[in-house]
Amino acid sequence: MTPRMFYTLARVLAALTVIPFHEAGHALAAWLLGDPTAKQQGRLSLNPFRHFDLLGTLCMVFAGVGWAKPVSTDPRNFKNPKQGMALTALAGPVANLILAYLAMVVWKLLYYWAPVNDATIFLALFLQYLVYLDVSLAVFNLIPVPPLDGSRVLLAVLPERIYFGMMKYERVILIVLLAAVWGGFLDGPLSVMNNVVWDLLDNGTQYIDSIAYSAYYASVGAVI
């Protein structure tokens, strides 16, 4: 396997993990809040083919942002429709951030204690992409414009007249948003936010670094 194929395979596998985790997060939150629609449609699953959208997956692999088939919800099943929709929308990015944190933990454990061979190098690369794509997907989806998850969170605070006025232009806004992403116009803001979240995850796993450094210094007889 060439190095290029090695990297591409790791990134594809990461994308096929990140996207279903995001969508299953939506489905799980909706089900827990009283709406079984997504569960009945088989979306409460980590099987990527349950959520697969070819173009969205390719964009995730090669552009760092992408999408899957939308998870259906019925607000009438929520005790509080506005709150239920907002929490269901927020659950996708939160699921990605949880997965990113766990992936960074395992990545650091591999870095400090795993033997170096082709298998561990590939696994470390996969975990690195997993963190990167999870963070990218979470940050991108929290942009508060339709049809992204952030716009659904706005439903909890905006007057319905303004919110549904925005939703009438959902498709147009999506096209403009994707054009802005592919044109590089959002690279700066997205990069800043991705770096902030990455640093938070890194700080949240610093205990692994501390343990590794302490073990190393203890092994060489140094005093910290």
Protein backbone atom coordinates (compact mmCIF):
# COMPACT_ATOMS: atom_id res chain seq x y z
CA MET A 1 0.00 0.00 0.00
CA THR A 2 1.39 3.40 -0.99
CA PRO A 3 1.59 6.19 1.61
CA ARG A 4 -1.18 8.07 -0.22
CA MET A 5 -3.50 5.06 -0.07
CA PHE A 6 -2.54 4.59 3.59
CA TYR A 7 -3.62 8.12 4.47
CA THR A 8 -6.77 8.01 2.30
CA LEU A 9 -7.95 4.74 3.86
CA ALA A 10 -7.49 6.13 7.37
CA ARG A 11 -9.44 9.25 6.45
CA VAL A 12 -12.27 7.32 4.77
CA LEU A 13 -12.64 5.02 7.78
CA ALA A 14 -12.68 8.05 10.09
CA ALA A 15 -15.42 9.70 8.02
CA LEU A 16 -17.47 6.49 8.05
CA THR A 17 -17.23 6.56 11.85
CA VAL A 18 -17.80 10.26 12.45
CA ILE A 19 -20.93 10.71 10.32
CA PRO A 20 -23.02 7.85 11.76
CA PHE A 21 -21.99 8.87 15.29
CA HIS A 22 -23.35 12.36 14.60
CA GLU A 23 -26.63 11.12 13.14
CA ALA A 24 -27.14 8.43 15.78
CA GLY A 25 -26.67 11.20 18.38
CA HIS A 26 -29.65 13.04 16.89
CA ALA A 27 -31.72 9.85 16.79
CA LEU A 28 -30.88 8.89 20.37
CA ALA A 29 -31.70 12.34 21.74
CA ALA A 30 -35.03 12.42 19.87
CA TRP A 31 -35.94 8.95 21.18
CA LEU A 32 -35.01 9.83 24.77
CA LEU A 33 -37.10 13.01 24.51
CA GLY A 34 -40.16 11.06 23.34
CA ASP A 35 -39.97 10.99 19.54
CA PRO A 36 -39.45 7.46 18.15
CA THR A 37 -39.53 8.52 14.46
CA ALA A 38 -35.79 8.21 13.79
CA LYS A 39 -35.53 4.96 15.77
CA GLN A 40 -38.37 3.44 13.76
CA GLN A 41 -36.55 4.41 10.57
CA GLY A 42 -33.40 2.58 11.69
CA ARG A 43 -31.37 5.72 12.33
CA LEU A 44 -30.48 4.80 15.92
CA SER A 45 -27.51 2.88 14.54
CA LEU A 46 -23.77 3.28 13.99
CA ASN A 47 -24.02 1.43 10.66
CA PRO A 48 -22.81 4.07 8.16
CA PHE A 49 -25.08 2.73 5.43
CA ARG A 50 -28.12 3.72 7.51
CA HIS A 51 -27.04 7.35 7.18
CA PHE A 52 -25.02 7.31 3.97
CA ASP A 53 -25.05 10.20 1.50
CA LEU A 54 -22.39 9.75 -1.18
CA LEU A 55 -21.69 13.43 -1.89
CA GLY A 56 -21.77 14.36 1.80
CA THR A 57 -19.33 11.59 2.69
CA LEU A 58 -16.94 12.55 -0.11
CA CYS A 59 -17.03 16.17 1.09
CA MET A 60 -16.24 15.00 4.61
CA VAL A 61 -13.26 12.96 3.37
CA PHE A 62 -11.76 15.58 1.06
CA ALA A 63 -13.05 18.93 2.42
CA GLY A 64 -13.37 18.21 6.14
CA VAL A 65 -17.09 19.07 6.20
CA GLY A 66 -19.98 16.99 4.95
CA TRP A 67 -23.41 15.64 5.70
CA ALA A 68 -25.58 12.54 5.80
CA LYS A 69 -29.26 11.85 5.19
CA PRO A 70 -31.27 14.12 7.52
CA VAL A 71 -32.69 12.47 10.64
CA SER A 72 -36.48 12.78 10.66
CA THR A 73 -38.15 14.13 13.78
CA ASP A 74 -41.76 14.88 14.68
CA PRO A 75 -41.88 17.86 17.08
CA ARG A 76 -45.43 16.89 18.12
CA ASN A 77 -43.95 13.97 20.06
CA PHE A 78 -41.90 16.26 22.31
CA LYS A 79 -43.39 17.59 25.55
CA ASN A 80 -41.81 20.92 24.66
CA PRO A 81 -41.41 21.02 20.85
CA LYS A 82 -38.99 23.98 20.76
CA GLN A 83 -36.75 22.56 23.47
CA GLY A 84 -36.98 19.04 22.03
CA MET A 85 -35.89 20.19 18.57
CA ALA A 86 -33.03 22.26 20.00
CA LEU A 87 -31.70 19.42 22.18
CA THR A 88 -32.04 16.89 19.37
CA ALA A 89 -30.07 19.19 17.06
CA LEU A 90 -27.40 19.83 19.69
CA ALA A 91 -26.96 16.09 20.33
CA GLY A 92 -25.20 15.53 16.98
CA PRO A 93 -22.28 17.91 17.61
CA VAL A 94 -22.09 16.81 21.25
CA ALA A 95 -21.80 13.17 20.14
CA ASN A 96 -18.91 14.16 17.86
CA LEU A 97 -17.12 16.01 20.65
CA ILE A 98 -17.48 13.03 22.98
CA LEU A 99 -16.05 10.75 20.30
CA ALA A 100 -13.23 13.24 19.62
CA TYR A 101 -12.31 13.25 23.31
CA LEU A 102 -12.25 9.45 23.52
CA ALA A 103 -10.23 9.24 20.29
CA MET A 104 -7.67 11.71 21.65
CA VAL A 105 -7.35 9.68 24.86
CA VAL A 106 -6.61 6.49 22.91
CA TRP A 107 -4.33 8.38 20.51
CA LYS A 108 -2.20 9.67 23.39
CA LEU A 109 -2.09 6.24 25.03
CA LEU A 110 -0.80 4.80 21.73
CA TYR A 111 1.71 7.63 21.34
CA TYR A 112 3.29 7.05 24.73
CA TRP A 113 3.01 3.30 25.28
CA ALA A 114 2.25 1.36 22.08
CA PRO A 115 5.02 -0.40 20.15
CA VAL A 116 5.83 1.24 16.82
CA ASN A 117 4.77 -0.90 13.88
CA ASP A 118 2.58 -0.54 10.79
CA ALA A 119 -0.61 -1.43 12.68
CA THR A 120 -0.13 1.11 15.47
CA ILE A 121 0.98 3.79 13.02
CA PHE A 122 -2.19 3.26 10.99
CA LEU A 123 -4.36 3.23 14.13
CA ALA A 124 -2.76 6.46 15.37
CA LEU A 125 -3.36 8.09 11.97
CA PHE A 126 -6.99 6.92 12.01
CA LEU A 127 -7.47 8.36 15.51
CA GLN A 128 -5.87 11.65 14.47
CA TYR A 129 -8.29 11.94 11.54
CA LEU A 130 -11.14 10.89 13.83
CA VAL A 131 -10.43 13.81 16.18
CA TYR A 132 -9.97 16.23 13.29
CA LEU A 133 -13.17 15.25 11.47
CA ASP A 134 -15.23 15.08 14.67
CA VAL A 135 -14.15 18.58 15.64
CA SER A 136 -14.69 19.92 12.10
CA LEU A 137 -18.17 18.40 11.85
CA ALA A 138 -19.22 19.64 15.28
CA VAL A 139 -17.97 23.19 14.72
CA PHE A 140 -19.42 23.43 11.21
CA ASN A 141 -22.84 22.16 12.30
CA LEU A 142 -23.04 24.67 15.13
CA ILE A 143 -23.05 27.57 12.65
CA PRO A 144 -26.50 29.09 13.34
CA VAL A 145 -27.86 29.10 9.78
CA PRO A 146 -30.33 26.68 8.16
CA PRO A 147 -30.19 23.77 7.62
CA LEU A 148 -27.31 23.21 10.09
CA ASP A 149 -27.87 22.04 13.66
CA GLY A 150 -27.08 25.48 15.03
CA SER A 151 -30.19 26.88 13.32
CA ARG A 152 -32.37 24.34 15.16
CA VAL A 153 -30.84 25.45 18.44
CA LEU A 154 -31.89 29.01 17.52
CA LEU A 155 -35.50 27.80 17.46
CA ALA A 156 -35.39 27.69 21.26
CA VAL A 157 -34.62 31.42 21.51
CA LEU A 158 -35.93 33.09 18.34
CA PRO A 159 -39.57 34.07 17.78
CA GLU A 160 -41.21 31.49 15.51
CA ARG A 161 -42.07 34.14 12.90
CA ILE A 162 -38.38 35.02 12.41
CA TYR A 163 -37.20 31.40 12.58
CA PHE A 164 -39.66 30.04 10.01
CA GLY A 165 -39.00 33.09 7.84
CA MET A 166 -35.35 32.00 7.71
CA MET A 167 -36.30 28.38 7.02
CA LYS A 168 -38.12 29.37 3.81
CA TYR A 169 -34.70 30.10 2.33
CA GLU A 170 -33.03 26.96 3.70
CA ARG A 171 -31.92 25.57 0.33
CA VAL A 172 -30.60 28.88 -0.92
CA ILE A 173 -28.67 29.43 2.31
CA LEU A 174 -27.22 25.91 2.08
CA ILE A 175 -25.96 26.52 -1.47
CA VAL A 176 -24.40 29.84 -0.44
CA LEU A 177 -22.85 28.23 2.64
CA LEU A 178 -21.32 25.34 0.70
CA ALA A 179 -20.01 27.77 -1.94
CA ALA A 180 -18.41 29.81 0.85
CA VAL A 181 -16.80 26.68 2.31
CA TRP A 182 -15.50 25.37 -1.00
CA GLY A 183 -14.35 28.85 -1.99
CA GLY A 184 -12.30 29.09 1.18
CA PHE A 185 -14.16 32.12 2.56
CA LEU A 186 -14.86 30.38 5.88
CA ASP A 187 -11.41 28.83 6.26
CA GLY A 188 -10.22 31.48 8.72
CA PRO A 189 -13.17 31.47 11.16
CA LEU A 190 -13.59 27.67 11.00
CA SER A 191 -9.86 27.14 11.54
CA VAL A 192 -9.89 29.40 14.61
CA MET A 193 -12.86 27.58 16.13
CA ASN A 194 -11.43 24.15 15.28
CA ASN A 195 -8.15 25.12 16.97
CA VAL A 196 -10.00 26.35 20.08
CA VAL A 197 -11.90 23.06 20.40
CA TRP A 198 -8.75 21.03 19.66
CA ASP A 199 -6.88 22.91 22.42
CA LEU A 200 -9.73 22.26 24.87
CA LEU A 201 -9.59 18.54 24.09
CA ASP A 202 -5.81 18.58 24.43
CA ASN A 203 -6.05 20.34 27.79
CA GLY A 204 -8.74 17.90 28.89
CA THR A 205 -6.40 14.96 28.23
CA GLN A 206 -3.28 16.52 29.76
CA TYR A 207 -3.47 14.02 32.62
CA ILE A 208 -2.26 11.35 30.18
CA ASP A 209 0.76 13.49 29.26
CA SER A 210 1.48 14.07 32.95
CA ILE A 211 1.32 10.35 33.74
CA ALA A 212 3.58 9.53 30.78
CA TYR A 213 6.17 12.15 31.76
CA SER A 214 6.09 11.04 35.40
CA ALA A 215 6.57 7.39 34.38
CA TYR A 216 9.47 8.35 32.11
CA TYR A 217 11.29 10.43 34.73
CA ALA A 218 10.71 7.72 37.34
CA SER A 219 12.22 5.14 34.99
CA VAL A 220 15.41 7.18 34.56
CA GLY A 221 15.60 8.07 38.25
CA ALA A 222 15.02 11.80 37.78
CA VAL A 223 13.17 13.96 40.27
CA ILE A 224 10.41 16.16 38.88
